[in-house]
Amino acid sequence: MKDKLLGALPFFKVKKVMVIGDIMLDKYIWGDVSRISPEAPVQVVNVQRESYSPGGAANVAANIAALSGQAYMVGIVGDDRASETLIEELETRGINVEGVITDASRPTIQKVRIIGKNQQLLRVDYEKRGDTEADTENDLIEFISKTISDIDVIVISDYAKGVITEKTMQKVMELAAHPQKRVVIDPKPSHKSLYRNATVISPNHLEAFQMAGEDPEETGRVDEVGMKLLRELDSNILITRGEKGMSLYEKSGKITSVPTYAQEVYDIIGAGDAVVATLALGLGSGLTLKEAAILANHAAGIVVRKVGTSTASVEELEQSVQNSKHI
């Protein structure tokens, strides 16, 4: 199998992946912490630098680009300076931004994280929730409709911030069916009903139990939850389980457990994005679901060893697979 996984990597660079979802700008304020404020019992951060990264669905696109794939970003930004920074960050990574629509009625979603000595101290969010306006929704659908014929795989990265609506999902699934294109979904439990008939849905452990209406404390029932979601949504299910790896439930009835490859974990931010990005590229490059899941698990293991919103490169992925003793 190792040769099969390594053999798929060169095909990543010719695969076109459309990422549809809630795009965000991640801002990091890095500094030192050495004292407590005299004004209140809080730490004082002496700022040393600031950095920006694509966040949310935009980080999925960034992962695809880092893995040498061709990413097409579809989402919404506001008419503000944050949108200019986000577009610049996407373009710098070679990501197609023609499908990014400006909606002046809402701000660009922004998450500001304050980091002291590599530890996150605080996060500040800028956002406006709620479904998109009808005109903006129609603009998104129009772009998807005219572009999808050139796309190999579709990723839905849903944070329930307004981009993924019932109308948009219905159109995406309709367009993906003829000719049949793979649809990979990073879900939000509240939108469960929108995901039916996807190629694969990849919730984390908590999201899977919430989608199934089960108690997440009953970890021993993960297989029951996976198969329940498979039957209800008529989709393959890949549950990411942190240090326990992944569990794959296929329509054939086969259940596969994939152990984690992360030896050190510094930051889990972006691990799910790396998973769906690698899944999409792997499936588009001819891997089976099981093979693509194993490759995606390697990508997640790379990302969690980094601080902040991070990506895995194709070189790192190749090295991780080559060094693996579990394949």
Protein backbone atom coordinates (compact mmCIF):
# COMPACT_ATOMS: atom_id res chain seq x y z
CA MET A 1 0.00 0.00 0.00
CA LYS A 2 2.88 2.37 0.72
CA ASP A 3 3.84 2.38 -2.98
CA LYS A 4 0.22 3.12 -3.91
CA LEU A 5 0.07 6.10 -1.55
CA LEU A 6 3.41 7.49 -2.70
CA GLY A 7 2.44 6.91 -6.33
CA ALA A 8 -0.66 9.11 -5.93
CA LEU A 9 1.26 12.18 -4.73
CA PRO A 10 2.62 13.29 -8.15
CA PHE A 11 -0.98 13.45 -9.47
CA PHE A 12 -1.97 16.05 -6.86
CA LYS A 13 -0.55 18.89 -8.95
CA VAL A 14 -3.03 18.34 -11.78
CA LYS A 15 -6.13 17.94 -9.62
CA LYS A 16 -8.62 20.81 -9.38
CA VAL A 17 -10.53 21.01 -6.11
CA MET A 18 -13.37 23.45 -5.49
CA VAL A 19 -13.70 24.41 -1.81
CA ILE A 20 -17.07 25.88 -0.87
CA GLY A 21 -17.63 27.24 2.60
CA ASP A 22 -17.14 29.84 5.29
CA ILE A 23 -13.81 31.55 4.75
CA MET A 24 -12.01 33.37 7.53
CA LEU A 25 -8.88 35.35 8.26
CA ASP A 26 -6.80 34.04 11.14
CA LYS A 27 -4.67 36.71 12.77
CA TYR A 28 -1.96 35.82 15.29
CA ILE A 29 -0.44 38.25 17.77
CA TRP A 30 2.80 36.73 19.07
CA GLY A 31 4.57 37.95 22.19
CA ASP A 32 6.22 37.32 25.54
CA VAL A 33 4.45 37.15 28.88
CA SER A 34 6.43 38.12 31.96
CA ARG A 35 4.06 40.01 34.26
CA ILE A 36 0.50 40.53 35.45
CA SER A 37 -1.33 43.78 34.70
CA PRO A 38 -1.72 46.19 37.67
CA GLU A 39 -5.14 47.12 36.25
CA ALA A 40 -6.67 43.63 36.46
CA PRO A 41 -5.51 40.05 37.18
CA VAL A 42 -4.61 39.36 33.55
CA GLN A 43 -1.37 38.63 31.75
CA VAL A 44 0.39 41.39 29.83
CA VAL A 45 1.61 40.35 26.38
CA ASN A 46 4.59 42.24 25.00
CA VAL A 47 3.85 42.00 21.27
CA GLN A 48 6.77 40.94 19.08
CA ARG A 49 5.07 40.29 15.75
CA GLU A 50 1.76 39.68 13.96
CA SER A 51 0.96 37.16 11.26
CA TYR A 52 -2.01 36.17 9.10
CA SER A 53 -3.25 32.87 7.66
CA PRO A 54 -6.32 31.74 5.73
CA GLY A 55 -8.77 30.22 8.18
CA GLY A 56 -11.93 28.12 8.11
CA ALA A 57 -12.73 26.90 4.60
CA ALA A 58 -9.87 29.04 3.30
CA ASN A 59 -7.45 26.85 5.27
CA VAL A 60 -8.75 23.81 3.40
CA ALA A 61 -7.86 25.59 0.16
CA ALA A 62 -4.46 26.49 1.64
CA ASN A 63 -3.84 22.82 2.47
CA ILE A 64 -4.73 21.79 -1.06
CA ALA A 65 -2.34 24.39 -2.47
CA ALA A 66 0.42 23.32 -0.04
CA LEU A 67 -0.02 19.76 -1.30
CA SER A 68 0.50 21.14 -4.86
CA GLY A 69 -3.17 20.80 -5.83
CA GLN A 70 -5.15 23.46 -7.71
CA ALA A 71 -7.61 25.06 -5.28
CA TYR A 72 -10.67 27.09 -6.27
CA MET A 73 -12.08 29.07 -3.35
CA VAL A 74 -15.82 29.80 -3.16
CA GLY A 75 -17.08 31.90 -0.26
CA ILE A 76 -17.93 35.36 1.08
CA VAL A 77 -15.91 38.26 2.46
CA GLY A 78 -16.93 41.69 3.65
CA ASP A 79 -16.03 45.04 2.14
CA ASP A 80 -13.22 45.75 4.60
CA ARG A 81 -9.47 45.69 5.12
CA ALA A 82 -9.58 42.15 6.51
CA SER A 83 -10.93 40.94 3.16
CA GLU A 84 -8.00 42.55 1.34
CA THR A 85 -5.56 40.75 3.64
CA LEU A 86 -7.37 37.45 3.23
CA ILE A 87 -7.49 37.69 -0.57
CA GLU A 88 -3.79 38.55 -0.60
CA GLU A 89 -3.00 35.52 1.59
CA LEU A 90 -4.99 33.26 -0.75
CA GLU A 91 -3.44 34.66 -3.93
CA THR A 92 0.05 34.37 -2.46
CA ARG A 93 -0.59 30.64 -2.14
CA GLY A 94 -1.75 30.36 -5.75
CA ILE A 95 -5.41 29.83 -4.88
CA ASN A 96 -8.06 30.85 -7.41
CA VAL A 97 -10.27 33.52 -5.80
CA GLU A 98 -12.72 34.23 -8.63
CA GLY A 99 -15.46 32.57 -6.57
CA VAL A 100 -14.95 34.81 -3.53
CA ILE A 101 -17.96 37.16 -3.40
CA THR A 102 -17.99 40.48 -1.52
CA ASP A 103 -21.01 41.10 0.70
CA ALA A 104 -20.91 44.60 2.23
CA SER A 105 -23.68 43.70 4.70
CA ARG A 106 -21.39 41.51 6.79
CA PRO A 107 -17.76 41.70 7.96
CA THR A 108 -15.05 39.34 6.82
CA ILE A 109 -14.98 36.60 9.46
CA GLN A 110 -11.83 37.10 11.48
CA LYS A 111 -10.37 35.19 14.42
CA VAL A 112 -7.63 36.94 16.35
CA ARG A 113 -5.51 34.73 18.60
CA ILE A 114 -3.07 36.12 21.13
CA ILE A 115 -0.13 33.78 21.70
CA GLY A 116 2.30 34.07 24.60
CA LYS A 117 5.28 31.70 24.68
CA ASN A 118 3.54 29.39 22.17
CA GLN A 119 0.41 29.18 24.33
CA GLN A 120 -2.92 30.63 23.17
CA LEU A 121 -4.10 33.12 25.78
CA LEU A 122 -7.18 34.63 24.15
CA ARG A 123 -9.25 34.55 20.98
CA VAL A 124 -11.35 37.42 19.63
CA ASP A 125 -13.91 36.77 16.85
CA TYR A 126 -15.39 39.17 14.30
CA GLU A 127 -18.41 37.71 12.50
CA LYS A 128 -22.06 38.02 11.60
CA ARG A 129 -24.00 34.78 11.52
CA GLY A 130 -27.03 33.97 9.42
CA ASP A 131 -27.69 32.80 5.89
CA THR A 132 -26.39 34.89 3.02
CA GLU A 133 -28.59 37.40 1.24
CA ALA A 134 -30.46 35.99 -1.77
CA ASP A 135 -28.41 38.00 -4.28
CA THR A 136 -25.12 36.83 -2.80
CA GLU A 137 -26.37 33.24 -2.66
CA ASN A 138 -27.30 33.45 -6.35
CA ASP A 139 -23.85 34.85 -7.21
CA LEU A 140 -22.21 31.90 -5.47
CA ILE A 141 -24.43 29.40 -7.26
CA GLU A 142 -23.77 31.07 -10.60
CA PHE A 143 -20.01 30.76 -10.15
CA ILE A 144 -20.27 27.14 -9.02
CA SER A 145 -22.51 26.28 -11.98
CA LYS A 146 -20.19 27.74 -14.61
CA THR A 147 -16.98 26.33 -13.08
CA ILE A 148 -17.85 22.89 -11.77
CA SER A 149 -17.38 21.09 -15.10
CA ASP A 150 -13.63 21.77 -14.86
CA ILE A 151 -13.39 20.52 -11.26
CA ASP A 152 -12.24 17.05 -10.16
CA VAL A 153 -13.43 17.04 -6.52
CA ILE A 154 -15.70 19.29 -4.43
CA VAL A 155 -15.10 20.03 -0.74
CA ILE A 156 -17.81 21.51 1.47
CA SER A 157 -16.23 23.17 4.52
CA ASP A 158 -19.20 24.14 6.65
CA TYR A 159 -18.90 26.30 9.77
CA ALA A 160 -22.60 27.29 9.71
CA LYS A 161 -21.72 30.96 9.23
CA GLY A 162 -24.03 31.49 6.24
CA VAL A 163 -22.44 30.20 3.02
CA ILE A 164 -23.78 26.64 3.11
CA THR A 165 -27.53 26.95 2.64
CA GLU A 166 -30.17 24.43 1.60
CA LYS A 167 -30.46 26.02 -1.85
CA THR A 168 -26.71 26.06 -2.43
CA MET A 169 -26.22 22.47 -1.28
CA GLN A 170 -29.10 21.23 -3.43
CA LYS A 171 -27.52 22.86 -6.48
CA VAL A 172 -24.05 21.53 -5.67
CA MET A 173 -25.30 17.95 -5.28
CA GLU A 174 -27.37 18.27 -8.46
CA LEU A 175 -24.36 19.50 -10.45
CA ALA A 176 -22.04 16.92 -8.89
CA ALA A 177 -24.31 14.06 -9.94
CA HIS A 178 -23.99 14.65 -13.71
CA PRO A 179 -21.26 13.75 -14.41
CA GLN A 180 -20.57 12.17 -11.06
CA LYS A 181 -18.00 14.07 -9.02
CA ARG A 182 -16.78 13.23 -5.55
CA VAL A 183 -18.08 15.45 -2.75
CA VAL A 184 -16.14 15.56 0.53
CA ILE A 185 -17.81 17.27 3.48
CA ASP A 186 -16.44 18.72 6.71
CA PRO A 187 -19.81 19.05 8.45
CA LYS A 188 -21.61 21.11 11.05
CA PRO A 189 -24.15 19.03 13.02
CA SER A 190 -26.92 21.62 12.62
CA HIS A 191 -26.77 21.16 8.83
CA LYS A 192 -26.86 17.37 8.89
CA SER A 193 -29.90 17.11 6.60
CA LEU A 194 -28.07 18.97 3.81
CA TYR A 195 -25.31 16.39 3.37
CA ARG A 196 -27.23 13.38 2.09
CA ASN A 197 -25.60 11.39 -0.75
CA ALA A 198 -22.13 12.90 -0.35
CA THR A 199 -19.14 10.73 -1.21
CA VAL A 200 -17.74 10.99 2.31
CA ILE A 201 -18.61 13.06 5.39
CA SER A 202 -15.84 13.61 7.92
CA PRO A 203 -17.02 14.79 11.36
CA ASN A 204 -14.83 14.74 14.44
CA HIS A 205 -15.86 12.54 17.37
CA LEU A 206 -18.06 15.14 19.07
CA GLU A 207 -19.71 16.23 15.81
CA ALA A 208 -20.47 12.61 14.89
CA PHE A 209 -22.25 11.94 18.18
CA GLN A 210 -24.16 15.23 17.94
CA MET A 211 -25.26 14.43 14.39
CA ALA A 212 -26.44 10.99 15.52
CA GLY A 213 -28.24 12.39 18.58
CA GLU A 214 -26.11 10.27 20.89
CA ASP A 215 -24.15 10.92 24.10
CA PRO A 216 -20.51 11.73 23.20
CA GLU A 217 -19.37 10.37 26.58
CA GLU A 218 -20.27 6.86 25.42
CA THR A 219 -17.07 6.50 23.38
CA GLY A 220 -17.46 2.74 23.08
CA ARG A 221 -20.43 3.25 20.75
CA VAL A 222 -18.51 5.02 18.00
CA ASP A 223 -19.09 2.17 15.52
CA GLU A 224 -22.84 2.29 16.13
CA VAL A 225 -22.78 6.06 15.58
CA GLY A 226 -20.74 5.75 12.38
CA MET A 227 -23.05 3.15 10.88
CA LYS A 228 -26.15 5.09 11.95
CA LEU A 229 -24.92 8.18 10.12
CA LEU A 230 -24.01 6.11 7.07
CA ARG A 231 -27.54 4.72 6.86
CA GLU A 232 -29.28 8.03 7.53
CA LEU A 233 -27.20 10.07 5.08
CA ASP A 234 -26.43 7.36 2.50
CA SER A 235 -22.79 8.48 2.59
CA ASN A 236 -19.48 7.00 3.64
CA ILE A 237 -18.44 8.32 7.06
CA LEU A 238 -14.93 9.10 8.32
CA ILE A 239 -14.83 10.03 12.01
CA THR A 240 -11.65 11.73 13.20
CA ARG A 241 -10.88 10.80 16.81
CA GLY A 242 -7.79 12.74 17.87
CA GLU A 243 -5.20 10.54 19.56
CA LYS A 244 -7.33 7.49 18.69
CA GLY A 245 -6.89 8.08 14.96
CA MET A 246 -9.82 7.64 12.59
CA SER A 247 -12.71 5.28 12.00
CA LEU A 248 -13.96 4.75 8.44
CA TYR A 249 -17.45 3.39 7.70
CA GLU A 250 -18.05 2.43 4.09
CA LYS A 251 -21.31 1.69 2.29
CA SER A 252 -20.00 -1.81 1.66
CA GLY A 253 -20.37 -2.39 5.40
CA LYS A 254 -16.63 -2.45 6.01
CA ILE A 255 -15.29 -0.69 9.11
CA THR A 256 -11.63 0.35 9.21
CA SER A 257 -9.70 1.80 12.16
CA VAL A 258 -6.73 3.98 11.25
CA PRO A 259 -4.24 4.62 14.09
CA THR A 260 -2.88 8.12 14.64
CA TYR A 261 0.57 8.96 13.27
CA ALA A 262 1.10 12.07 15.42
CA GLN A 263 3.90 11.55 17.94
CA GLU A 264 3.77 15.08 19.36
CA VAL A 265 0.77 17.40 19.49
CA TYR A 266 1.32 21.14 19.85
CA ASP A 267 -1.85 22.55 18.29
CA ILE A 268 -4.96 20.86 16.87
CA ILE A 269 -6.02 23.97 14.89
CA GLY A 270 -6.44 23.04 11.23
CA ALA A 271 -6.12 19.27 11.61
CA GLY A 272 -9.63 18.68 10.22
CA ASP A 273 -8.89 20.98 7.29
CA ALA A 274 -5.78 18.95 6.45
CA VAL A 275 -7.85 15.77 6.57
CA VAL A 276 -10.53 16.86 4.10
CA ALA A 277 -7.98 18.49 1.77
CA THR A 278 -5.89 15.31 1.60
CA LEU A 279 -8.98 13.12 1.32
CA ALA A 280 -10.13 15.14 -1.69
CA LEU A 281 -6.77 15.02 -3.46
CA GLY A 282 -6.32 11.34 -2.66
CA LEU A 283 -9.73 10.37 -4.01
CA GLY A 284 -9.19 12.56 -7.07
CA SER A 285 -5.87 10.81 -7.70
CA GLY A 286 -7.32 7.31 -7.76
CA LEU A 287 -6.97 6.14 -4.16
CA THR A 288 -9.69 4.15 -2.45
CA LEU A 289 -11.47 5.66 0.55
CA LYS A 290 -9.34 3.59 2.92
CA GLU A 291 -6.12 4.61 1.19
CA ALA A 292 -7.12 8.28 1.07
CA ALA A 293 -8.05 8.15 4.78
CA ILE A 294 -4.65 6.73 5.70
CA LEU A 295 -2.95 9.48 3.71
CA ALA A 296 -5.18 12.10 5.35
CA ASN A 297 -4.26 10.77 8.78
CA HIS A 298 -0.60 11.34 7.96
CA ALA A 299 -1.40 14.93 6.95
CA ALA A 300 -3.23 15.54 10.24
CA GLY A 301 -0.26 14.12 12.14
CA ILE A 302 2.01 16.65 10.44
CA VAL A 303 -0.25 19.65 11.10
CA VAL A 304 -0.77 19.04 14.83
CA ARG A 305 2.99 19.20 15.37
CA LYS A 306 2.91 22.88 14.35
CA VAL A 307 1.64 25.92 16.28
CA GLY A 308 -1.15 27.97 14.71
CA THR A 309 -3.17 27.49 11.53
CA SER A 310 -0.83 25.26 9.54
CA THR A 311 -0.63 23.10 6.45
CA ALA A 312 1.24 19.97 5.39
CA SER A 313 3.45 20.06 2.32
CA VAL A 314 3.60 17.26 -0.21
CA GLU A 315 7.26 16.71 0.75
CA GLU A 316 6.33 16.32 4.44
CA LEU A 317 3.53 13.94 3.50
CA GLU A 318 5.85 11.85 1.34
CA GLN A 319 8.42 11.62 4.15
CA SER A 320 5.76 10.69 6.71
CA VAL A 321 4.48 7.85 4.53
CA GLN A 322 7.98 6.61 3.74
CA ASN A 323 8.92 6.54 7.41
CA SER A 324 5.72 4.82 8.54
CA LYS A 325 5.98 1.36 10.05
CA HIS A 326 2.20 0.88 10.08
CA ILE A 327 1.53 0.70 6.34
